[in-house]
Amino acid sequence: MIVDQMIFNKKIAKQSFEEDVTSEKPVRSIVKALSWRVVGTLDTLIVSYILTGKIALAASIASVDFLTKLILYFFHERVWNKIKWGK
């Protein structure tokens, strides 16, 4: 799977993460994704509550939003890390 190769397989890369100072380690992408998702989830929770008036429904929407966007953000960061443009 190409995603596995991009993230975990160092054989594909010309250099390891330790040798490539322009590359982020996957753990940094995970921490960035988590911190951003906390901010984004609070926003989703507040907006959902304002629109529905129900905290349980708002929390449910925010929970699903947190998980799906955390995963999408991680892979988005990993793909962009491979792009040389702008570095």
C-alpha atoms as a PDB file:
ATOM      1  CA  MET A   1       0.000   0.000   0.000  1.00  0.00           C
ATOM      2  CA  ILE A   2       1.413   3.373  -1.004  1.00  0.00           C
ATOM      3  CA  VAL A   3       0.323   5.094   2.214  1.00  0.00           C
ATOM      4  CA  ASP A   4       2.241   2.544   4.315  1.00  0.00           C
ATOM      5  CA  GLN A   5       5.302   3.119   2.178  1.00  0.00           C
ATOM      6  CA  MET A   6       5.064   6.898   2.518  1.00  0.00           C
ATOM      7  CA  ILE A   7       4.756   6.777   6.284  1.00  0.00           C
ATOM      8  CA  PHE A   8       6.628   3.745   7.539  1.00  0.00           C
ATOM      9  CA  ASN A   9       9.010   2.466   4.882  1.00  0.00           C
ATOM     10  CA  LYS A  10      12.311   4.323   5.014  1.00  0.00           C
ATOM     11  CA  LYS A  11      13.672   2.276   2.078  1.00  0.00           C
ATOM     12  CA  ILE A  12      11.562   4.348  -0.296  1.00  0.00           C
ATOM     13  CA  ALA A  13      13.073   7.612   0.951  1.00  0.00           C
ATOM     14  CA  LYS A  14      16.539   8.700  -0.084  1.00  0.00           C
ATOM     15  CA  GLN A  15      17.281   9.642   3.523  1.00  0.00           C
ATOM     16  CA  SER A  16      15.980   8.698   6.936  1.00  0.00           C
ATOM     17  CA  PHE A  17      14.032  11.215   9.021  1.00  0.00           C
ATOM     18  CA  GLU A  18      17.139  11.769  11.135  1.00  0.00           C
ATOM     19  CA  GLU A  19      19.203  12.697   8.055  1.00  0.00           C
ATOM     20  CA  ASP A  20      16.565  14.824   6.323  1.00  0.00           C
ATOM     21  CA  VAL A  21      16.232  18.062   8.295  1.00  0.00           C
ATOM     22  CA  THR A  22      13.416  19.319   6.050  1.00  0.00           C
ATOM     23  CA  SER A  23      11.156  16.377   6.935  1.00  0.00           C
ATOM     24  CA  GLU A  24       8.881  16.049   9.944  1.00  0.00           C
ATOM     25  CA  LYS A  25       8.762  12.863  11.936  1.00  0.00           C
ATOM     26  CA  PRO A  26       5.363  11.138  11.926  1.00  0.00           C
ATOM     27  CA  VAL A  27       5.003  11.688  15.687  1.00  0.00           C
ATOM     28  CA  ARG A  28       5.234  15.467  15.142  1.00  0.00           C
ATOM     29  CA  SER A  29       2.445  15.249  12.568  1.00  0.00           C
ATOM     30  CA  ILE A  30       0.349  13.285  15.069  1.00  0.00           C
ATOM     31  CA  VAL A  31       0.862  15.866  17.852  1.00  0.00           C
ATOM     32  CA  LYS A  32       0.066  18.722  15.450  1.00  0.00           C
ATOM     33  CA  ALA A  33      -3.042  16.903  14.276  1.00  0.00           C
ATOM     34  CA  LEU A  34      -4.201  16.312  17.870  1.00  0.00           C
ATOM     35  CA  SER A  35      -3.679  19.910  18.953  1.00  0.00           C
ATOM     36  CA  TRP A  36      -5.466  21.278  15.900  1.00  0.00           C
ATOM     37  CA  ARG A  37      -8.330  18.813  16.317  1.00  0.00           C
ATOM     38  CA  VAL A  38      -8.908  19.930  19.911  1.00  0.00           C
ATOM     39  CA  VAL A  39      -9.373  23.500  18.657  1.00  0.00           C
ATOM     40  CA  GLY A  40     -11.500  22.366  15.718  1.00  0.00           C
ATOM     41  CA  THR A  41     -13.636  20.060  17.843  1.00  0.00           C
ATOM     42  CA  LEU A  42     -14.417  22.797  20.340  1.00  0.00           C
ATOM     43  CA  ASP A  43     -15.529  24.955  17.439  1.00  0.00           C
ATOM     44  CA  THR A  44     -17.693  22.128  16.041  1.00  0.00           C
ATOM     45  CA  LEU A  45     -19.176  21.460  19.488  1.00  0.00           C
ATOM     46  CA  ILE A  46     -20.134  25.119  19.973  1.00  0.00           C
ATOM     47  CA  VAL A  47     -21.560  25.556  16.465  1.00  0.00           C
ATOM     48  CA  SER A  48     -23.464  22.247  16.685  1.00  0.00           C
ATOM     49  CA  TYR A  49     -24.924  23.236  20.055  1.00  0.00           C
ATOM     50  CA  ILE A  50     -25.983  26.650  18.751  1.00  0.00           C
ATOM     51  CA  LEU A  51     -27.678  25.056  15.734  1.00  0.00           C
ATOM     52  CA  THR A  52     -29.339  22.096  17.520  1.00  0.00           C
ATOM     53  CA  GLY A  53     -29.770  23.327  21.080  1.00  0.00           C
ATOM     54  CA  LYS A  54     -28.933  19.800  22.276  1.00  0.00           C
ATOM     55  CA  ILE A  55     -25.607  19.162  23.989  1.00  0.00           C
ATOM     56  CA  ALA A  56     -25.755  15.370  23.510  1.00  0.00           C
ATOM     57  CA  LEU A  57     -26.265  15.724  19.764  1.00  0.00           C
ATOM     58  CA  ALA A  58     -23.586  18.426  19.567  1.00  0.00           C
ATOM     59  CA  ALA A  59     -21.129  16.191  21.444  1.00  0.00           C
ATOM     60  CA  SER A  60     -21.923  13.287  19.129  1.00  0.00           C
ATOM     61  CA  ILE A  61     -21.287  15.414  16.040  1.00  0.00           C
ATOM     62  CA  ALA A  62     -18.062  16.794  17.544  1.00  0.00           C
ATOM     63  CA  SER A  63     -16.825  13.284  18.420  1.00  0.00           C
ATOM     64  CA  VAL A  64     -17.245  11.965  14.887  1.00  0.00           C
ATOM     65  CA  ASP A  65     -15.725  15.155  13.505  1.00  0.00           C
ATOM     66  CA  PHE A  66     -12.709  14.786  15.802  1.00  0.00           C
ATOM     67  CA  LEU A  67     -11.888  11.243  14.675  1.00  0.00           C
ATOM     68  CA  THR A  68     -12.426  11.657  10.954  1.00  0.00           C
ATOM     69  CA  LYS A  69     -10.576  14.946  10.636  1.00  0.00           C
ATOM     70  CA  LEU A  70      -7.689  13.762  12.823  1.00  0.00           C
ATOM     71  CA  ILE A  71      -7.048  10.910  10.417  1.00  0.00           C
ATOM     72  CA  LEU A  72      -7.477  13.088   7.325  1.00  0.00           C
ATOM     73  CA  TYR A  73      -5.133  15.764   8.704  1.00  0.00           C
ATOM     74  CA  PHE A  74      -2.396  13.243   9.515  1.00  0.00           C
ATOM     75  CA  PHE A  75      -2.354  11.863   5.967  1.00  0.00           C
ATOM     76  CA  HIS A  76      -2.641  15.361   4.488  1.00  0.00           C
ATOM     77  CA  GLU A  77       0.480  16.401   6.423  1.00  0.00           C
ATOM     78  CA  ARG A  78       2.410  13.283   5.387  1.00  0.00           C
ATOM     79  CA  VAL A  79       1.600  13.839   1.707  1.00  0.00           C
ATOM     80  CA  TRP A  80       2.577  17.507   1.866  1.00  0.00           C
ATOM     81  CA  ASN A  81       5.801  16.545   3.623  1.00  0.00           C
ATOM     82  CA  LYS A  82       6.796  14.649   0.471  1.00  0.00           C
ATOM     83  CA  ILE A  83       6.229  17.658  -1.797  1.00  0.00           C
ATOM     84  CA  LYS A  84       9.425  19.645  -2.369  1.00  0.00           C
ATOM     85  CA  TRP A  85       7.630  22.800  -3.566  1.00  0.00           C
ATOM     86  CA  GLY A  86       8.115  25.746  -1.189  1.00  0.00           C
ATOM     87  CA  LYS A  87      10.806  24.125   0.958  1.00  0.00           C
END
